[in-house]
Amino acid sequence: VQLQASGGGLVQPGGSLRLSCAVSGIDFTATAFGWYRQAPGNEREMVATITTGRNTNYADSVKARFTISRDNARNMVYLQMNMLKPEDTAVYLCNSARWDGGSWQINWGQGTLVTVSS
């Protein structure tokens, strides 16, 4: 399983970025996905998740600003981030979660750095 995140960079407060996660080596339509982030000195936290049925869940801190989506035809997961704040600065990672009938199979990709600063 490979999850390749991209799209991070430097953006000013109030700006937007779209993160992408290219997924391979897994039954994409049978898998849930999530975006997590980790800032220096902080624990990893959930940002947004999306199920196989496209149900979504967001951290309170990003609701109404971030949108997670999936493209089953392209095996891609996206995180649209609007109205970015300095406290959104972190390494963002995508993950996959698939139930194999007995346990959850979890995989992580490498991160992409998002820096929000003027």
Protein backbone atom coordinates (compact mmCIF):
# COMPACT_ATOMS: atom_id res chain seq x y z
CA VAL A 1 0.00 0.00 0.00
CA GLN A 2 1.31 3.40 -0.95
CA LEU A 3 -0.14 6.78 0.01
CA GLN A 4 1.69 9.73 -1.53
CA ALA A 5 0.71 13.12 -0.14
CA SER A 6 1.47 16.35 -1.96
CA GLY A 7 0.36 19.95 -2.22
CA GLY A 8 1.86 21.45 0.90
CA GLY A 9 3.72 24.74 0.94
CA LEU A 10 3.89 28.23 2.35
CA VAL A 11 0.68 30.25 2.36
CA GLN A 12 -0.39 33.48 3.99
CA PRO A 13 -3.09 33.55 6.66
CA GLY A 14 -6.50 33.53 5.02
CA GLY A 15 -5.18 31.69 1.99
CA SER A 16 -6.03 28.28 0.56
CA LEU A 17 -4.26 25.06 -0.33
CA ARG A 18 -5.41 21.73 -1.68
CA LEU A 19 -3.62 18.63 -0.52
CA SER A 20 -3.70 15.46 -2.60
CA CYS A 21 -3.08 11.85 -1.63
CA ALA A 22 -2.40 9.37 -4.41
CA VAL A 23 -3.27 5.84 -3.34
CA SER A 24 -2.12 2.54 -4.80
CA GLY A 25 -1.94 -1.09 -3.81
CA ILE A 26 -5.31 -1.28 -2.08
CA ASP A 27 -8.98 -1.79 -2.93
CA PHE A 28 -9.71 1.92 -3.01
CA THR A 29 -13.50 1.76 -2.98
CA ALA A 30 -13.48 -0.54 0.05
CA THR A 31 -11.22 1.75 2.08
CA ALA A 32 -11.81 4.75 4.31
CA PHE A 33 -9.30 7.57 4.36
CA GLY A 34 -8.22 10.36 6.63
CA TRP A 35 -6.02 13.39 6.89
CA TYR A 36 -4.07 13.92 10.09
CA ARG A 37 -1.56 16.54 11.11
CA GLN A 38 1.30 16.91 13.52
CA ALA A 39 2.81 20.21 14.55
CA PRO A 40 6.23 20.42 16.24
CA GLY A 41 5.93 19.41 19.88
CA ASN A 42 2.33 18.29 19.46
CA GLU A 43 0.70 14.92 19.15
CA ARG A 44 -0.75 13.76 15.85
CA GLU A 45 -4.38 14.78 15.52
CA MET A 46 -7.22 13.86 13.22
CA VAL A 47 -8.18 16.58 10.76
CA ALA A 48 -10.81 14.90 8.57
CA THR A 49 -11.98 11.45 7.58
CA ILE A 50 -14.14 10.07 4.78
CA THR A 51 -15.80 6.67 4.65
CA THR A 52 -16.45 4.39 1.72
CA GLY A 53 -19.94 5.89 1.60
CA ARG A 54 -18.49 9.43 1.56
CA ASN A 55 -19.58 10.24 5.09
CA THR A 56 -17.20 12.84 6.49
CA ASN A 57 -16.01 13.86 9.93
CA TYR A 58 -13.94 16.90 10.88
CA ALA A 59 -12.02 18.18 13.83
CA ASP A 60 -13.85 21.10 15.42
CA SER A 61 -10.91 23.37 14.66
CA VAL A 62 -11.28 22.94 10.89
CA LYS A 63 -15.06 22.63 10.43
CA ALA A 64 -16.43 25.01 7.80
CA ARG A 65 -12.89 25.69 6.54
CA PHE A 66 -11.62 22.30 5.33
CA THR A 67 -13.27 19.78 3.00
CA ILE A 68 -12.19 16.19 2.48
CA SER A 69 -13.17 14.38 -0.70
CA ARG A 70 -12.36 11.24 -2.63
CA ASP A 71 -12.19 10.39 -6.33
CA ASN A 72 -12.80 6.66 -6.70
CA ALA A 73 -12.02 6.77 -10.42
CA ARG A 74 -8.54 8.24 -9.87
CA ASN A 75 -7.71 6.64 -6.48
CA MET A 76 -7.18 10.09 -5.01
CA VAL A 77 -8.08 11.72 -1.72
CA TYR A 78 -8.10 15.49 -1.32
CA LEU A 79 -8.15 18.03 1.46
CA GLN A 80 -9.28 21.50 0.44
CA MET A 81 -8.13 23.97 3.08
CA ASN A 82 -9.56 27.48 3.09
CA MET A 83 -9.18 30.42 5.47
CA LEU A 84 -5.92 29.01 6.72
CA LYS A 85 -4.61 30.13 10.08
CA PRO A 86 -1.07 30.07 11.52
CA GLU A 87 -2.20 27.35 13.92
CA ASP A 88 -2.88 25.11 10.90
CA THR A 89 0.89 24.90 10.35
CA ALA A 90 1.88 21.22 10.55
CA VAL A 91 2.96 18.19 8.62
CA TYR A 92 -0.19 16.71 7.07
CA LEU A 93 -0.41 12.96 6.52
CA CYS A 94 -2.97 10.82 4.78
CA ASN A 95 -3.98 7.43 6.05
CA SER A 96 -6.10 4.51 4.96
CA ALA A 97 -8.28 2.22 7.03
CA ARG A 98 -9.81 -0.99 5.70
CA TRP A 99 -11.72 -3.68 7.58
CA ASP A 100 -10.52 -7.11 6.47
CA GLY A 101 -13.19 -9.04 8.32
CA GLY A 102 -11.15 -9.47 11.45
CA SER A 103 -9.23 -6.30 12.08
CA TRP A 104 -8.60 -2.82 10.77
CA GLN A 105 -5.71 -2.52 8.35
CA ILE A 106 -4.16 0.93 8.80
CA ASN A 107 -1.55 2.47 6.53
CA TRP A 108 0.18 5.85 6.59
CA GLY A 109 1.79 7.91 3.90
CA GLN A 110 4.62 10.35 4.28
CA GLY A 111 3.68 13.88 5.21
CA THR A 112 3.51 17.14 3.35
CA LEU A 113 4.42 20.33 5.18
CA VAL A 114 1.93 23.18 5.37
CA THR A 115 3.22 26.49 6.70
CA VAL A 116 0.81 29.36 7.28
CA SER A 117 2.71 32.57 7.83
CA SER A 118 2.87 36.15 6.66
